[in-house]
Each structure stands twice: as C-alpha cells, then as structure tokens.
Amino acid sequence: PIKEHGVTTVFVQLDNVNIELIQPLSDNSPISKFIESNKNGGLHHQTVGLFWLYLLL
C-alpha cells in the first residue's frame, strides 16, 4: 500500500509495456473519486516512453 496516496498498487511488466493497477484504500482517495465519476471505467493516466528522445537533446 502507498498510504500517502491512499492506494495499493500492482505492477505488471511485459516485453514493452508496463501496467500499473491501482486500488483505492478508502472512499477519500482521489482514485475512489475518479472511479465514482467514471462508472463505465477508463484510463486514469498513461505514460509514453520515447527511447530516442535523448537524441533530440
């Protein structure tokens, strides 16, 4: 559990994809509020890593 964020997490790592599953620990968690306002589900956030970005800097 990540108590300061009010969640517990699990990470799933595949060849080129990392998935983070987040479960709220209470109804006061920001994630609980997101779930409540999106009853059909959805992505809370996503991140894209660009391995070649350092070439542009």
N, C-alpha and C. Protein backbone atom coordinates (compact mmCIF):
# COMPACT_ATOMS: atom_id res chain seq x y z
N PRO A 1 0.82 -1.21 0.00
CA PRO A 1 0.00 0.00 0.00
C PRO A 1 0.86 1.27 0.00
N ILE A 2 0.39 2.26 -0.70
CA ILE A 2 1.02 3.57 -0.68
C ILE A 2 0.07 4.48 0.10
N LYS A 3 0.23 4.49 1.40
CA LYS A 3 -0.74 5.15 2.28
C LYS A 3 -0.84 6.64 2.03
N GLU A 4 0.27 7.30 1.71
CA GLU A 4 0.21 8.74 1.50
C GLU A 4 -0.63 9.11 0.27
N HIS A 5 -0.82 8.17 -0.66
CA HIS A 5 -1.67 8.39 -1.83
C HIS A 5 -3.04 7.72 -1.68
N GLY A 6 -3.21 6.94 -0.62
CA GLY A 6 -4.49 6.29 -0.38
C GLY A 6 -4.80 5.15 -1.33
N VAL A 7 -3.75 4.47 -1.83
CA VAL A 7 -3.95 3.38 -2.79
C VAL A 7 -3.01 2.22 -2.49
N THR A 8 -3.33 1.09 -3.08
CA THR A 8 -2.39 -0.02 -3.17
C THR A 8 -2.20 -0.29 -4.66
N THR A 9 -1.00 -0.70 -5.04
CA THR A 9 -0.70 -0.86 -6.46
C THR A 9 -0.07 -2.22 -6.75
N VAL A 10 -0.23 -2.65 -7.99
CA VAL A 10 0.43 -3.84 -8.52
C VAL A 10 0.96 -3.47 -9.89
N PHE A 11 2.20 -3.85 -10.18
CA PHE A 11 2.80 -3.57 -11.48
C PHE A 11 2.92 -4.87 -12.26
N VAL A 12 2.51 -4.82 -13.52
CA VAL A 12 2.65 -5.95 -14.44
C VAL A 12 3.60 -5.50 -15.54
N GLN A 13 4.71 -6.22 -15.71
CA GLN A 13 5.70 -5.86 -16.72
C GLN A 13 5.71 -6.91 -17.82
N LEU A 14 5.47 -6.45 -19.03
CA LEU A 14 5.54 -7.29 -20.22
C LEU A 14 6.76 -6.86 -21.03
N ASP A 15 6.93 -7.41 -22.22
CA ASP A 15 8.12 -7.09 -23.02
C ASP A 15 8.33 -5.59 -23.20
N ASN A 16 7.32 -4.89 -23.68
CA ASN A 16 7.48 -3.46 -23.92
C ASN A 16 6.33 -2.63 -23.35
N VAL A 17 5.64 -3.19 -22.35
CA VAL A 17 4.51 -2.50 -21.73
C VAL A 17 4.58 -2.71 -20.22
N ASN A 18 4.40 -1.65 -19.47
CA ASN A 18 4.26 -1.73 -18.01
C ASN A 18 2.86 -1.29 -17.66
N ILE A 19 2.16 -2.08 -16.87
CA ILE A 19 0.80 -1.77 -16.45
C ILE A 19 0.78 -1.62 -14.94
N GLU A 20 0.19 -0.54 -14.46
CA GLU A 20 0.03 -0.33 -13.03
C GLU A 20 -1.45 -0.40 -12.69
N LEU A 21 -1.81 -1.34 -11.84
CA LEU A 21 -3.19 -1.46 -11.37
C LEU A 21 -3.28 -0.78 -10.01
N ILE A 22 -4.27 0.08 -9.85
CA ILE A 22 -4.39 0.89 -8.64
C ILE A 22 -5.73 0.60 -7.97
N GLN A 23 -5.70 0.34 -6.67
CA GLN A 23 -6.92 0.11 -5.89
C GLN A 23 -6.96 1.12 -4.75
N PRO A 24 -8.06 1.86 -4.62
CA PRO A 24 -8.16 2.82 -3.53
C PRO A 24 -8.28 2.11 -2.18
N LEU A 25 -7.72 2.73 -1.14
CA LEU A 25 -7.80 2.17 0.21
C LEU A 25 -8.99 2.71 0.98
N SER A 26 -9.58 3.80 0.50
CA SER A 26 -10.74 4.38 1.18
C SER A 26 -11.57 5.17 0.18
N ASP A 27 -12.74 5.60 0.61
CA ASP A 27 -13.60 6.43 -0.23
C ASP A 27 -13.06 7.84 -0.39
N ASN A 28 -12.07 8.23 0.41
CA ASN A 28 -11.49 9.57 0.33
C ASN A 28 -10.34 9.67 -0.65
N SER A 29 -9.91 8.56 -1.21
CA SER A 29 -8.80 8.55 -2.14
C SER A 29 -9.18 9.26 -3.44
N PRO A 30 -8.25 10.01 -4.06
CA PRO A 30 -8.53 10.60 -5.37
C PRO A 30 -8.93 9.54 -6.41
N ILE A 31 -8.38 8.34 -6.30
CA ILE A 31 -8.74 7.27 -7.23
C ILE A 31 -10.19 6.85 -7.02
N SER A 32 -10.65 6.81 -5.76
CA SER A 32 -12.06 6.50 -5.49
C SER A 32 -12.98 7.50 -6.17
N LYS A 33 -12.61 8.77 -6.10
CA LYS A 33 -13.41 9.82 -6.72
C LYS A 33 -13.42 9.67 -8.24
N PHE A 34 -12.29 9.29 -8.82
CA PHE A 34 -12.22 9.06 -10.26
C PHE A 34 -13.12 7.89 -10.66
N ILE A 35 -13.06 6.80 -9.92
CA ILE A 35 -13.89 5.62 -10.21
C ILE A 35 -15.37 5.97 -10.09
N GLU A 36 -15.72 6.71 -9.06
CA GLU A 36 -17.12 7.10 -8.85
C GLU A 36 -17.65 7.96 -10.00
N SER A 37 -16.81 8.81 -10.55
CA SER A 37 -17.26 9.70 -11.62
C SER A 37 -17.14 9.07 -13.01
N ASN A 38 -16.57 7.87 -13.11
CA ASN A 38 -16.41 7.16 -14.39
C ASN A 38 -16.91 5.72 -14.23
N LYS A 39 -18.20 5.57 -14.08
CA LYS A 39 -18.79 4.26 -13.77
C LYS A 39 -18.56 3.21 -14.86
N ASN A 40 -18.29 3.65 -16.10
CA ASN A 40 -18.03 2.70 -17.19
C ASN A 40 -16.56 2.36 -17.32
N GLY A 41 -15.73 2.84 -16.41
CA GLY A 41 -14.30 2.55 -16.47
C GLY A 41 -13.56 3.57 -17.31
N GLY A 42 -12.28 3.36 -17.43
CA GLY A 42 -11.45 4.25 -18.23
C GLY A 42 -10.03 4.31 -17.70
N LEU A 43 -9.18 5.00 -18.44
CA LEU A 43 -7.79 5.19 -18.04
C LEU A 43 -7.69 6.41 -17.14
N HIS A 44 -7.00 6.27 -16.05
CA HIS A 44 -6.75 7.43 -15.18
C HIS A 44 -5.62 8.27 -15.77
N HIS A 45 -4.55 7.62 -16.19
CA HIS A 45 -3.45 8.32 -16.86
C HIS A 45 -2.65 7.30 -17.65
N GLN A 46 -1.86 7.81 -18.58
CA GLN A 46 -0.96 6.95 -19.33
C GLN A 46 0.35 7.69 -19.55
N THR A 47 1.40 6.92 -19.72
CA THR A 47 2.73 7.47 -19.95
C THR A 47 3.32 6.81 -21.18
N VAL A 48 3.99 7.60 -21.98
CA VAL A 48 4.66 7.07 -23.17
C VAL A 48 6.15 7.34 -23.02
N GLY A 49 6.95 6.31 -23.13
CA GLY A 49 8.40 6.47 -23.07
C GLY A 49 8.98 6.51 -24.48
N LEU A 50 9.81 7.49 -24.72
CA LEU A 50 10.43 7.65 -26.03
C LEU A 50 11.92 7.40 -25.89
N PHE A 51 12.36 6.20 -26.25
CA PHE A 51 13.75 5.82 -26.04
C PHE A 51 14.71 6.66 -26.87
N TRP A 52 14.25 7.26 -27.95
CA TRP A 52 15.12 8.04 -28.82
C TRP A 52 15.12 9.52 -28.47
N LEU A 53 14.37 9.93 -27.46
CA LEU A 53 14.25 11.34 -27.12
C LEU A 53 15.60 11.97 -26.80
N TYR A 54 16.50 11.21 -26.18
CA TYR A 54 17.81 11.76 -25.83
C TYR A 54 18.57 12.23 -27.06
N LEU A 55 18.29 11.69 -28.24
CA LEU A 55 18.97 12.12 -29.46
C LEU A 55 18.61 13.55 -29.84
N LEU A 56 17.44 14.01 -29.43
CA LEU A 56 16.99 15.35 -29.77
C LEU A 56 17.54 16.42 -28.83
N LEU A 57 18.04 16.00 -27.68
CA LEU A 57 18.50 16.98 -26.68
C LEU A 57 19.91 17.45 -26.91
